[in-house]
């Protein structure tokens, strides 16, 4: 198998089970947040056998290093668990738009390359009314933390008012928490984490590091000794963003199928083609997205193996 998946989940066991079934025989490392009830985590894992391996459950908070810590630990497990050439980091609310065999065929063109959104700063979507600097404020200010979690008053993160210098050699990039890594890039990323505790200390006091840490390290040849990630604005995920300025994508429903199908029908793409088509949809839930997932299975994931998608209601 040329692909393994890291799935980070915290609720909606039925949706997570449907995702795991849709991944067919792809090996999975699953982390269920410690804040979720034990029966929810147990339901996610029931009946999959050795293909799905559970990570020790820890707690992670939005906007904080704790999310990166969970991801890094799961990536280490994925390298031990599988010799796959690519590792996809997925949310439990994701769903594949291609059958696994079709996805593996497309990944062949990405051998040795990651598909990760990577945009230089200033990145205008990261402007805020108080911080119109294209996202530089996320790293150039030191945020107050408790453990690995940023402290907030209301919805405002607490930070020191003055700016600080970036660590030498670091090229900050705007990215996303959800990525498809080449195995070699996972190894480089973990190598920097292990060799540079000072860099980890810096990132622990940044805001939303899950959206910038990996792409920034892999875009910094002075840190990795390898060529930087290319600029890439084409996500491997289809998402619909509300028009109210929300920082979270909307839950997809059957009404989104025409737009999703149109995006899925695009050219397969390659590392040098922009934009290649999406491989996953985000975000789905068992409450509102069941009909959509049914149509994805019936009309888009035509390369899947018959009978591989496991209904959410029953163990495998």
C-alpha atoms as a PDB file:
ATOM      1  CA  UNK A   1       0.000   0.000   0.000  1.00  0.00           C
ATOM      2  CA  UNK A   2       1.454   3.353  -1.095  1.00  0.00           C
ATOM      3  CA  UNK A   3      -0.725   5.401   1.265  1.00  0.00           C
ATOM      4  CA  UNK A   4      -1.388   5.472   4.983  1.00  0.00           C
ATOM      5  CA  UNK A   5      -3.696   7.878   6.800  1.00  0.00           C
ATOM      6  CA  UNK A   6      -3.587   9.756  10.063  1.00  0.00           C
ATOM      7  CA  UNK A   7      -7.150  10.542  11.184  1.00  0.00           C
ATOM      8  CA  UNK A   8      -7.639  13.171  13.910  1.00  0.00           C
ATOM      9  CA  UNK A   9     -11.126  13.007  15.392  1.00  0.00           C
ATOM     10  CA  UNK A  10     -13.009  14.253  18.422  1.00  0.00           C
ATOM     11  CA  UNK A  11     -16.685  13.437  17.831  1.00  0.00           C
ATOM     12  CA  UNK A  12     -19.268  11.872  15.470  1.00  0.00           C
ATOM     13  CA  UNK A  13     -18.254   8.225  15.604  1.00  0.00           C
ATOM     14  CA  UNK A  14     -20.691   7.332  12.817  1.00  0.00           C
ATOM     15  CA  UNK A  15     -19.023   9.744  10.377  1.00  0.00           C
ATOM     16  CA  UNK A  16     -15.551   8.565  11.414  1.00  0.00           C
ATOM     17  CA  UNK A  17     -16.599   4.943  10.836  1.00  0.00           C
ATOM     18  CA  UNK A  18     -17.895   5.818   7.393  1.00  0.00           C
ATOM     19  CA  UNK A  19     -14.599   7.530   6.568  1.00  0.00           C
ATOM     20  CA  UNK A  20     -12.587   4.518   7.747  1.00  0.00           C
ATOM     21  CA  UNK A  21     -14.697   2.234   5.598  1.00  0.00           C
ATOM     22  CA  UNK A  22     -14.297   4.474   2.558  1.00  0.00           C
ATOM     23  CA  UNK A  23     -10.520   4.289   2.960  1.00  0.00           C
ATOM     24  CA  UNK A  24     -10.865   0.582   2.103  1.00  0.00           C
ATOM     25  CA  UNK A  25      -7.608  -1.219   2.981  1.00  0.00           C
ATOM     26  CA  UNK A  26      -5.488   1.884   3.660  1.00  0.00           C
ATOM     27  CA  UNK A  27      -3.692   1.555   7.039  1.00  0.00           C
ATOM     28  CA  UNK A  28      -4.939   4.170   9.510  1.00  0.00           C
ATOM     29  CA  UNK A  29      -3.548   5.734  12.672  1.00  0.00           C
ATOM     30  CA  UNK A  30      -6.528   7.139  14.579  1.00  0.00           C
ATOM     31  CA  UNK A  31      -6.413   9.714  17.365  1.00  0.00           C
ATOM     32  CA  UNK A  32      -9.614  10.481  19.239  1.00  0.00           C
ATOM     33  CA  UNK A  33      -9.308  13.516  21.482  1.00  0.00           C
ATOM     34  CA  UNK A  34      -9.309  12.748  25.196  1.00  0.00           C
ATOM     35  CA  UNK A  35     -12.215  15.142  25.728  1.00  0.00           C
ATOM     36  CA  UNK A  36     -14.526  12.812  23.787  1.00  0.00           C
ATOM     37  CA  UNK A  37     -16.446  10.251  25.859  1.00  0.00           C
ATOM     38  CA  UNK A  38     -14.837   6.805  26.042  1.00  0.00           C
ATOM     39  CA  UNK A  39     -17.808   5.167  24.321  1.00  0.00           C
ATOM     40  CA  UNK A  40     -17.394   7.504  21.330  1.00  0.00           C
ATOM     41  CA  UNK A  41     -13.754   6.506  20.932  1.00  0.00           C
ATOM     42  CA  UNK A  42     -14.632   2.852  21.373  1.00  0.00           C
ATOM     43  CA  UNK A  43     -17.307   3.062  18.697  1.00  0.00           C
ATOM     44  CA  UNK A  44     -14.817   4.570  16.233  1.00  0.00           C
ATOM     45  CA  UNK A  45     -12.420   1.650  16.715  1.00  0.00           C
ATOM     46  CA  UNK A  46     -14.844  -1.244  16.915  1.00  0.00           C
ATOM     47  CA  UNK A  47     -14.246  -4.093  14.522  1.00  0.00           C
ATOM     48  CA  UNK A  48     -11.458  -2.819  12.270  1.00  0.00           C
ATOM     49  CA  UNK A  49      -8.730  -5.188  13.380  1.00  0.00           C
ATOM     50  CA  UNK A  50      -5.065  -4.339  12.815  1.00  0.00           C
ATOM     51  CA  UNK A  51      -5.732  -1.973   9.897  1.00  0.00           C
ATOM     52  CA  UNK A  52      -6.784   0.829  12.273  1.00  0.00           C
ATOM     53  CA  UNK A  53      -4.432   1.538  15.151  1.00  0.00           C
ATOM     54  CA  UNK A  54      -5.371   3.812  18.003  1.00  0.00           C
ATOM     55  CA  UNK A  55      -3.063   6.513  19.288  1.00  0.00           C
ATOM     56  CA  UNK A  56      -2.892   7.156  23.037  1.00  0.00           C
ATOM     57  CA  UNK A  57      -5.655   9.668  23.708  1.00  0.00           C
ATOM     58  CA  UNK A  58      -4.509  13.165  24.631  1.00  0.00           C
ATOM     59  CA  UNK A  59      -6.263  16.518  24.676  1.00  0.00           C
ATOM     60  CA  UNK A  60      -5.706  19.196  22.047  1.00  0.00           C
ATOM     61  CA  UNK A  61      -7.061  22.735  21.781  1.00  0.00           C
ATOM     62  CA  UNK A  62      -7.837  24.862  18.767  1.00  0.00           C
ATOM     63  CA  UNK A  63      -5.240  27.448  17.736  1.00  0.00           C
ATOM     64  CA  UNK A  64      -2.528  25.804  19.857  1.00  0.00           C
ATOM     65  CA  UNK A  65       0.632  23.711  19.694  1.00  0.00           C
ATOM     66  CA  UNK A  66      -1.220  20.793  21.291  1.00  0.00           C
ATOM     67  CA  UNK A  67      -2.822  20.084  17.883  1.00  0.00           C
ATOM     68  CA  UNK A  68       0.618  19.956  16.249  1.00  0.00           C
ATOM     69  CA  UNK A  69       1.900  17.699  19.035  1.00  0.00           C
ATOM     70  CA  UNK A  70      -0.933  15.223  18.390  1.00  0.00           C
ATOM     71  CA  UNK A  71      -0.242  15.287  14.647  1.00  0.00           C
ATOM     72  CA  UNK A  72       3.506  14.766  15.069  1.00  0.00           C
ATOM     73  CA  UNK A  73       2.983  11.830  17.428  1.00  0.00           C
ATOM     74  CA  UNK A  74       0.565  10.238  14.959  1.00  0.00           C
ATOM     75  CA  UNK A  75       2.999  10.776  12.088  1.00  0.00           C
ATOM     76  CA  UNK A  76       5.690   8.935  14.048  1.00  0.00           C
ATOM     77  CA  UNK A  77       3.300   6.046  14.516  1.00  0.00           C
ATOM     78  CA  UNK A  78       2.395   6.078  10.827  1.00  0.00           C
ATOM     79  CA  UNK A  79       6.059   5.685   9.842  1.00  0.00           C
ATOM     80  CA  UNK A  80       6.422   2.736  12.215  1.00  0.00           C
ATOM     81  CA  UNK A  81       3.115   1.189  11.189  1.00  0.00           C
ATOM     82  CA  UNK A  82       3.522   1.438   7.422  1.00  0.00           C
ATOM     83  CA  UNK A  83       6.140   1.757   4.701  1.00  0.00           C
ATOM     84  CA  UNK A  84       3.740   3.816   2.557  1.00  0.00           C
ATOM     85  CA  UNK A  85       5.180   6.506   0.284  1.00  0.00           C
ATOM     86  CA  UNK A  86       2.528   9.068   1.310  1.00  0.00           C
ATOM     87  CA  UNK A  87       0.795   9.916   4.591  1.00  0.00           C
ATOM     88  CA  UNK A  88      -2.508  11.814   4.457  1.00  0.00           C
ATOM     89  CA  UNK A  89      -3.470  13.801   7.561  1.00  0.00           C
ATOM     90  CA  UNK A  90      -7.270  13.803   7.680  1.00  0.00           C
ATOM     91  CA  UNK A  91      -9.987  15.108   9.926  1.00  0.00           C
ATOM     92  CA  UNK A  92     -12.678  12.708  11.077  1.00  0.00           C
ATOM     93  CA  UNK A  93     -15.051  14.954   9.114  1.00  0.00           C
ATOM     94  CA  UNK A  94     -13.304  14.269   5.777  1.00  0.00           C
ATOM     95  CA  UNK A  95     -14.378  11.923   3.000  1.00  0.00           C
ATOM     96  CA  UNK A  96     -12.521  10.681  -0.104  1.00  0.00           C
ATOM     97  CA  UNK A  97     -13.788  11.746  -3.518  1.00  0.00           C
ATOM     98  CA  UNK A  98     -11.910   8.996  -5.365  1.00  0.00           C
ATOM     99  CA  UNK A  99     -11.793   5.257  -4.934  1.00  0.00           C
ATOM    100  CA  UNK A 100      -8.566   4.236  -3.262  1.00  0.00           C
ATOM    101  CA  UNK A 101      -7.128   2.583  -6.383  1.00  0.00           C
ATOM    102  CA  UNK A 102      -7.763   5.766  -8.383  1.00  0.00           C
ATOM    103  CA  UNK A 103      -6.213   7.870  -5.641  1.00  0.00           C
ATOM    104  CA  UNK A 104      -3.141   5.639  -5.545  1.00  0.00           C
ATOM    105  CA  UNK A 105      -2.790   6.007  -9.308  1.00  0.00           C
ATOM    106  CA  UNK A 106      -2.814   9.806  -8.982  1.00  0.00           C
ATOM    107  CA  UNK A 107      -0.347   9.690  -6.109  1.00  0.00           C
ATOM    108  CA  UNK A 108       2.093   7.969  -8.468  1.00  0.00           C
ATOM    109  CA  UNK A 109       2.734  11.349 -10.098  1.00  0.00           C
ATOM    110  CA  UNK A 110       3.513  12.788  -6.650  1.00  0.00           C
ATOM    111  CA  UNK A 111       6.147  10.226  -5.688  1.00  0.00           C
ATOM    112  CA  UNK A 112       8.636  11.939  -3.382  1.00  0.00           C
ATOM    113  CA  UNK A 113       6.492  15.086  -3.266  1.00  0.00           C
ATOM    114  CA  UNK A 114       3.955  16.377  -0.754  1.00  0.00           C
ATOM    115  CA  UNK A 115       0.658  17.964  -1.656  1.00  0.00           C
ATOM    116  CA  UNK A 116       0.520  20.743   0.914  1.00  0.00           C
ATOM    117  CA  UNK A 117      -0.874  24.250   0.577  1.00  0.00           C
ATOM    118  CA  UNK A 118       2.096  26.572   0.992  1.00  0.00           C
ATOM    119  CA  UNK A 119       1.820  30.316   0.453  1.00  0.00           C
ATOM    120  CA  UNK A 120       4.351  32.991   1.409  1.00  0.00           C
ATOM    121  CA  UNK A 121       3.426  35.759   3.817  1.00  0.00           C
ATOM    122  CA  UNK A 122       1.758  38.172   3.689  1.00  0.00           C
ATOM    123  CA  UNK A 123      -1.240  35.888   3.047  1.00  0.00           C
ATOM    124  CA  UNK A 124      -4.239  38.213   2.735  1.00  0.00           C
ATOM    125  CA  UNK A 125      -6.866  35.670   3.836  1.00  0.00           C
ATOM    126  CA  UNK A 126      -5.085  35.755   7.222  1.00  0.00           C
ATOM    127  CA  UNK A 127      -5.677  39.500   7.657  1.00  0.00           C
ATOM    128  CA  UNK A 128      -7.911  40.507  10.551  1.00  0.00           C
ATOM    129  CA  UNK A 129      -9.314  43.972  11.359  1.00  0.00           C
ATOM    130  CA  UNK A 130      -6.843  44.261  14.250  1.00  0.00           C
ATOM    131  CA  UNK A 131      -3.952  42.619  12.379  1.00  0.00           C
ATOM    132  CA  UNK A 132      -3.937  43.515   8.666  1.00  0.00           C
ATOM    133  CA  UNK A 133      -0.458  42.122   8.087  1.00  0.00           C
ATOM    134  CA  UNK A 134      -1.203  38.975   6.147  1.00  0.00           C
ATOM    135  CA  UNK A 135      -0.779  36.648   9.113  1.00  0.00           C
ATOM    136  CA  UNK A 136       2.669  37.731  10.300  1.00  0.00           C
ATOM    137  CA  UNK A 137       1.185  38.467  13.724  1.00  0.00           C
ATOM    138  CA  UNK A 138       0.546  34.768  14.287  1.00  0.00           C
ATOM    139  CA  UNK A 139       4.260  34.028  14.668  1.00  0.00           C
ATOM    140  CA  UNK A 140       5.919  37.408  15.273  1.00  0.00           C
ATOM    141  CA  UNK A 141       4.114  37.885  18.588  1.00  0.00           C
ATOM    142  CA  UNK A 142       4.665  35.673  21.619  1.00  0.00           C
ATOM    143  CA  UNK A 143       1.339  34.271  22.824  1.00  0.00           C
ATOM    144  CA  UNK A 144       0.667  33.341  26.416  1.00  0.00           C
ATOM    145  CA  UNK A 145       0.123  29.648  27.008  1.00  0.00           C
ATOM    146  CA  UNK A 146      -0.770  27.121  29.660  1.00  0.00           C
ATOM    147  CA  UNK A 147       1.066  23.960  28.784  1.00  0.00           C
ATOM    148  CA  UNK A 148       0.675  23.599  25.002  1.00  0.00           C
ATOM    149  CA  UNK A 149      -2.538  25.655  24.772  1.00  0.00           C
ATOM    150  CA  UNK A 150      -2.885  29.369  23.993  1.00  0.00           C
ATOM    151  CA  UNK A 151      -4.731  31.385  26.644  1.00  0.00           C
ATOM    152  CA  UNK A 152      -7.816  33.381  25.642  1.00  0.00           C
ATOM    153  CA  UNK A 153      -9.966  36.039  27.250  1.00  0.00           C
ATOM    154  CA  UNK A 154     -13.299  35.595  25.595  1.00  0.00           C
ATOM    155  CA  UNK A 155     -12.317  34.927  21.974  1.00  0.00           C
ATOM    156  CA  UNK A 156      -9.158  37.067  22.095  1.00  0.00           C
ATOM    157  CA  UNK A 157      -5.796  35.252  22.370  1.00  0.00           C
ATOM    158  CA  UNK A 158      -3.421  36.814  24.892  1.00  0.00           C
ATOM    159  CA  UNK A 159      -0.019  37.952  23.608  1.00  0.00           C
ATOM    160  CA  UNK A 160       2.877  40.258  24.353  1.00  0.00           C
ATOM    161  CA  UNK A 161       2.460  43.573  22.482  1.00  0.00           C
ATOM    162  CA  UNK A 162       5.908  43.765  20.879  1.00  0.00           C
ATOM    163  CA  UNK A 163       7.128  41.736  17.942  1.00  0.00           C
ATOM    164  CA  UNK A 164      10.006  39.270  18.050  1.00  0.00           C
ATOM    165  CA  UNK A 165      12.544  38.015  15.543  1.00  0.00           C
ATOM    166  CA  UNK A 166      11.957  34.709  13.798  1.00  0.00           C
ATOM    167  CA  UNK A 167      14.441  31.874  14.358  1.00  0.00           C
ATOM    168  CA  UNK A 168      17.316  32.056  11.852  1.00  0.00           C
ATOM    169  CA  UNK A 169      16.614  30.235   8.619  1.00  0.00           C
ATOM    170  CA  UNK A 170      12.854  29.924   9.173  1.00  0.00           C
ATOM    171  CA  UNK A 171      10.619  30.785   6.214  1.00  0.00           C
ATOM    172  CA  UNK A 172       7.048  31.098   7.499  1.00  0.00           C
ATOM    173  CA  UNK A 173       4.325  29.837   5.171  1.00  0.00           C
ATOM    174  CA  UNK A 174       0.543  29.917   5.278  1.00  0.00           C
ATOM    175  CA  UNK A 175      -0.882  26.445   4.969  1.00  0.00           C
ATOM    176  CA  UNK A 176      -3.569  24.125   6.378  1.00  0.00           C
ATOM    177  CA  UNK A 177      -3.776  21.490   9.080  1.00  0.00           C
ATOM    178  CA  UNK A 178      -4.804  18.920   6.442  1.00  0.00           C
ATOM    179  CA  UNK A 179      -2.023  17.645   4.206  1.00  0.00           C
ATOM    180  CA  UNK A 180      -0.762  14.788   2.072  1.00  0.00           C
ATOM    181  CA  UNK A 181       2.892  14.256   2.991  1.00  0.00           C
ATOM    182  CA  UNK A 182       5.548  12.424   1.050  1.00  0.00           C
ATOM    183  CA  UNK A 183       7.222   9.995   3.434  1.00  0.00           C
ATOM    184  CA  UNK A 184      10.555  11.763   2.985  1.00  0.00           C
ATOM    185  CA  UNK A 185       9.007  15.055   4.095  1.00  0.00           C
ATOM    186  CA  UNK A 186       7.583  13.440   7.228  1.00  0.00           C
ATOM    187  CA  UNK A 187      11.067  12.165   8.029  1.00  0.00           C
ATOM    188  CA  UNK A 188      12.584  15.617   7.448  1.00  0.00           C
ATOM    189  CA  UNK A 189       9.928  17.297   9.577  1.00  0.00           C
ATOM    190  CA  UNK A 190      10.398  14.913  12.497  1.00  0.00           C
ATOM    191  CA  UNK A 191      14.169  15.188  12.160  1.00  0.00           C
ATOM    192  CA  UNK A 192      13.968  18.970  12.633  1.00  0.00           C
ATOM    193  CA  UNK A 193      11.606  18.551  15.591  1.00  0.00           C
ATOM    194  CA  UNK A 194      14.071  16.189  17.277  1.00  0.00           C
ATOM    195  CA  UNK A 195      17.171  18.247  16.497  1.00  0.00           C
ATOM    196  CA  UNK A 196      15.805  21.737  17.251  1.00  0.00           C
ATOM    197  CA  UNK A 197      14.088  21.975  20.657  1.00  0.00           C
ATOM    198  CA  UNK A 198      14.592  25.738  20.443  1.00  0.00           C
ATOM    199  CA  UNK A 199      12.440  25.839  17.318  1.00  0.00           C
ATOM    200  CA  UNK A 200       9.725  23.822  19.043  1.00  0.00           C
ATOM    201  CA  UNK A 201       9.786  26.245  21.988  1.00  0.00           C
ATOM    202  CA  UNK A 202       9.286  29.129  19.560  1.00  0.00           C
ATOM    203  CA  UNK A 203       6.325  27.459  17.829  1.00  0.00           C
ATOM    204  CA  UNK A 204       4.678  26.580  21.138  1.00  0.00           C
ATOM    205  CA  UNK A 205       3.996  30.295  21.661  1.00  0.00           C
ATOM    206  CA  UNK A 206       2.582  30.989  18.183  1.00  0.00           C
ATOM    207  CA  UNK A 207      -1.089  31.116  17.196  1.00  0.00           C
ATOM    208  CA  UNK A 208      -2.697  28.407  15.039  1.00  0.00           C
ATOM    209  CA  UNK A 209       0.614  26.614  14.423  1.00  0.00           C
ATOM    210  CA  UNK A 210      -1.218  23.630  12.908  1.00  0.00           C
ATOM    211  CA  UNK A 211      -1.804  25.842   9.851  1.00  0.00           C
ATOM    212  CA  UNK A 212       1.812  26.867   9.383  1.00  0.00           C
ATOM    213  CA  UNK A 213       4.377  24.752  11.233  1.00  0.00           C
ATOM    214  CA  UNK A 214       4.898  21.822   8.849  1.00  0.00           C
ATOM    215  CA  UNK A 215       4.845  23.882   5.644  1.00  0.00           C
ATOM    216  CA  UNK A 216       7.186  26.482   7.168  1.00  0.00           C
ATOM    217  CA  UNK A 217       9.763  23.911   8.279  1.00  0.00           C
ATOM    218  CA  UNK A 218       9.626  22.106   4.927  1.00  0.00           C
ATOM    219  CA  UNK A 219       9.981  25.453   3.110  1.00  0.00           C
ATOM    220  CA  UNK A 220      13.173  26.290   5.029  1.00  0.00           C
ATOM    221  CA  UNK A 221      16.241  24.677   3.400  1.00  0.00           C
ATOM    222  CA  UNK A 222      18.433  26.010   6.207  1.00  0.00           C
ATOM    223  CA  UNK A 223      16.506  23.730   8.578  1.00  0.00           C
ATOM    224  CA  UNK A 224      15.978  20.625   6.450  1.00  0.00           C
ATOM    225  CA  UNK A 225      18.961  20.649   4.084  1.00  0.00           C
ATOM    226  CA  UNK A 226      16.496  19.893   1.265  1.00  0.00           C
ATOM    227  CA  UNK A 227      14.848  22.005  -1.459  1.00  0.00           C
ATOM    228  CA  UNK A 228      11.855  24.007  -0.192  1.00  0.00           C
ATOM    229  CA  UNK A 229       8.242  23.087  -0.786  1.00  0.00           C
ATOM    230  CA  UNK A 230       6.979  24.811  -3.927  1.00  0.00           C
ATOM    231  CA  UNK A 231       4.354  27.509  -3.559  1.00  0.00           C
ATOM    232  CA  UNK A 232       0.960  25.804  -3.839  1.00  0.00           C
ATOM    233  CA  UNK A 233      -2.484  27.351  -3.488  1.00  0.00           C
ATOM    234  CA  UNK A 234      -4.545  24.325  -4.605  1.00  0.00           C
ATOM    235  CA  UNK A 235      -5.814  22.328  -1.670  1.00  0.00           C
ATOM    236  CA  UNK A 236      -6.423  18.588  -1.929  1.00  0.00           C
ATOM    237  CA  UNK A 237      -9.698  19.256  -0.064  1.00  0.00           C
ATOM    238  CA  UNK A 238     -13.010  20.551  -1.417  1.00  0.00           C
ATOM    239  CA  UNK A 239     -14.466  22.951   1.161  1.00  0.00           C
ATOM    240  CA  UNK A 240     -17.261  25.501   1.245  1.00  0.00           C
ATOM    241  CA  UNK A 241     -16.666  28.583   3.345  1.00  0.00           C
ATOM    242  CA  UNK A 242     -19.570  30.562   4.835  1.00  0.00           C
ATOM    243  CA  UNK A 243     -19.854  34.175   3.827  1.00  0.00           C
ATOM    244  CA  UNK A 244     -19.969  35.402   7.423  1.00  0.00           C
ATOM    245  CA  UNK A 245     -16.226  35.522   7.979  1.00  0.00           C
ATOM    246  CA  UNK A 246     -16.189  32.200   9.802  1.00  0.00           C
ATOM    247  CA  UNK A 247     -12.825  30.518  10.293  1.00  0.00           C
ATOM    248  CA  UNK A 248     -14.388  27.070   9.866  1.00  0.00           C
ATOM    249  CA  UNK A 249     -15.779  25.490   6.674  1.00  0.00           C
ATOM    250  CA  UNK A 250     -19.490  24.786   6.442  1.00  0.00           C
ATOM    251  CA  UNK A 251     -20.872  21.281   6.777  1.00  0.00           C
ATOM    252  CA  UNK A 252     -21.561  19.886   3.328  1.00  0.00           C
ATOM    253  CA  UNK A 253     -24.992  18.578   2.344  1.00  0.00           C
ATOM    254  CA  UNK A 254     -26.563  17.002  -0.723  1.00  0.00           C
ATOM    255  CA  UNK A 255     -27.069  20.504  -2.130  1.00  0.00           C
ATOM    256  CA  UNK A 256     -23.291  20.803  -2.466  1.00  0.00           C
ATOM    257  CA  UNK A 257     -22.977  17.725  -4.668  1.00  0.00           C
ATOM    258  CA  UNK A 258     -23.055  19.538  -8.074  1.00  0.00           C
ATOM    259  CA  UNK A 259     -20.189  21.859  -7.094  1.00  0.00           C
ATOM    260  CA  UNK A 260     -18.265  19.023  -5.501  1.00  0.00           C
ATOM    261  CA  UNK A 261     -18.756  16.771  -8.547  1.00  0.00           C
ATOM    262  CA  UNK A 262     -17.613  19.563 -10.885  1.00  0.00           C
ATOM    263  CA  UNK A 263     -14.411  20.023  -8.866  1.00  0.00           C
ATOM    264  CA  UNK A 264     -13.851  16.257  -8.732  1.00  0.00           C
ATOM    265  CA  UNK A 265     -14.234  15.932 -12.512  1.00  0.00           C
ATOM    266  CA  UNK A 266     -11.278  18.206 -13.214  1.00  0.00           C
ATOM    267  CA  UNK A 267      -7.904  17.102 -14.515  1.00  0.00           C
ATOM    268  CA  UNK A 268      -5.982  14.740 -12.223  1.00  0.00           C
ATOM    269  CA  UNK A 269      -3.147  17.234 -12.056  1.00  0.00           C
ATOM    270  CA  UNK A 270       0.469  16.808 -11.087  1.00  0.00           C
ATOM    271  CA  UNK A 271       3.047  18.521  -8.876  1.00  0.00           C
ATOM    272  CA  UNK A 272       3.603  21.117 -11.593  1.00  0.00           C
ATOM    273  CA  UNK A 273      -0.040  21.702 -12.539  1.00  0.00           C
ATOM    274  CA  UNK A 274      -2.106  24.282 -10.691  1.00  0.00           C
ATOM    275  CA  UNK A 275      -4.790  23.553  -9.712  1.00  0.00           C
ATOM    276  CA  UNK A 276      -5.087  19.760  -9.640  1.00  0.00           C
ATOM    277  CA  UNK A 277      -8.457  18.409  -8.595  1.00  0.00           C
ATOM    278  CA  UNK A 278      -9.349  17.750  -4.949  1.00  0.00           C
ATOM    279  CA  UNK A 279      -9.036  14.267  -3.463  1.00  0.00           C
ATOM    280  CA  UNK A 280     -11.145  14.741  -0.323  1.00  0.00           C
ATOM    281  CA  UNK A 281     -14.227  16.656   0.832  1.00  0.00           C
ATOM    282  CA  UNK A 282     -14.498  18.528   4.128  1.00  0.00           C
ATOM    283  CA  UNK A 283     -16.519  18.661   6.188  1.00  0.00           C
ATOM    284  CA  UNK A 284     -19.166  15.962   6.497  1.00  0.00           C
ATOM    285  CA  UNK A 285     -21.256  14.867   9.476  1.00  0.00           C
ATOM    286  CA  UNK A 286     -23.584  11.963  10.103  1.00  0.00           C
ATOM    287  CA  UNK A 287     -26.350  14.447  10.979  1.00  0.00           C
ATOM    288  CA  UNK A 288     -26.563  16.300   7.641  1.00  0.00           C
ATOM    289  CA  UNK A 289     -24.229  14.650   5.107  1.00  0.00           C
ATOM    290  CA  UNK A 290     -25.448  11.067   4.774  1.00  0.00           C
ATOM    291  CA  UNK A 291     -27.194  11.624   1.440  1.00  0.00           C
ATOM    292  CA  UNK A 292     -24.144  13.444   0.118  1.00  0.00           C
ATOM    293  CA  UNK A 293     -21.821  10.581   1.112  1.00  0.00           C
ATOM    294  CA  UNK A 294     -24.185   8.113  -0.562  1.00  0.00           C
ATOM    295  CA  UNK A 295     -23.983  10.071  -3.832  1.00  0.00           C
ATOM    296  CA  UNK A 296     -20.197  10.367  -3.588  1.00  0.00           C
ATOM    297  CA  UNK A 297     -19.973   6.580  -3.233  1.00  0.00           C
ATOM    298  CA  UNK A 298     -22.427   5.879  -6.050  1.00  0.00           C
ATOM    299  CA  UNK A 299     -21.353   8.510  -8.587  1.00  0.00           C
ATOM    300  CA  UNK A 300     -17.788   9.637  -7.892  1.00  0.00           C
ATOM    301  CA  UNK A 301     -15.876   6.871  -6.168  1.00  0.00           C
ATOM    302  CA  UNK A 302     -16.403   4.524  -9.091  1.00  0.00           C
ATOM    303  CA  UNK A 303     -12.945   3.011  -8.700  1.00  0.00           C
ATOM    304  CA  UNK A 304     -13.660   1.669  -5.226  1.00  0.00           C
ATOM    305  CA  UNK A 305     -13.828  -2.025  -4.584  1.00  0.00           C
ATOM    306  CA  UNK A 306     -17.350  -3.390  -4.412  1.00  0.00           C
ATOM    307  CA  UNK A 307     -18.587  -3.733  -0.842  1.00  0.00           C
ATOM    308  CA  UNK A 308     -15.657  -1.856   0.705  1.00  0.00           C
ATOM    309  CA  UNK A 309     -17.634   1.083   2.089  1.00  0.00           C
ATOM    310  CA  UNK A 310     -18.834   0.137   5.549  1.00  0.00           C
ATOM    311  CA  UNK A 311     -22.169   1.622   6.664  1.00  0.00           C
ATOM    312  CA  UNK A 312     -21.802   3.737   9.756  1.00  0.00           C
ATOM    313  CA  UNK A 313     -24.269   1.621  11.700  1.00  0.00           C
ATOM    314  CA  UNK A 314     -22.391  -1.661  11.868  1.00  0.00           C
ATOM    315  CA  UNK A 315     -18.940  -2.951  12.838  1.00  0.00           C
ATOM    316  CA  UNK A 316     -16.586  -4.284  10.265  1.00  0.00           C
END
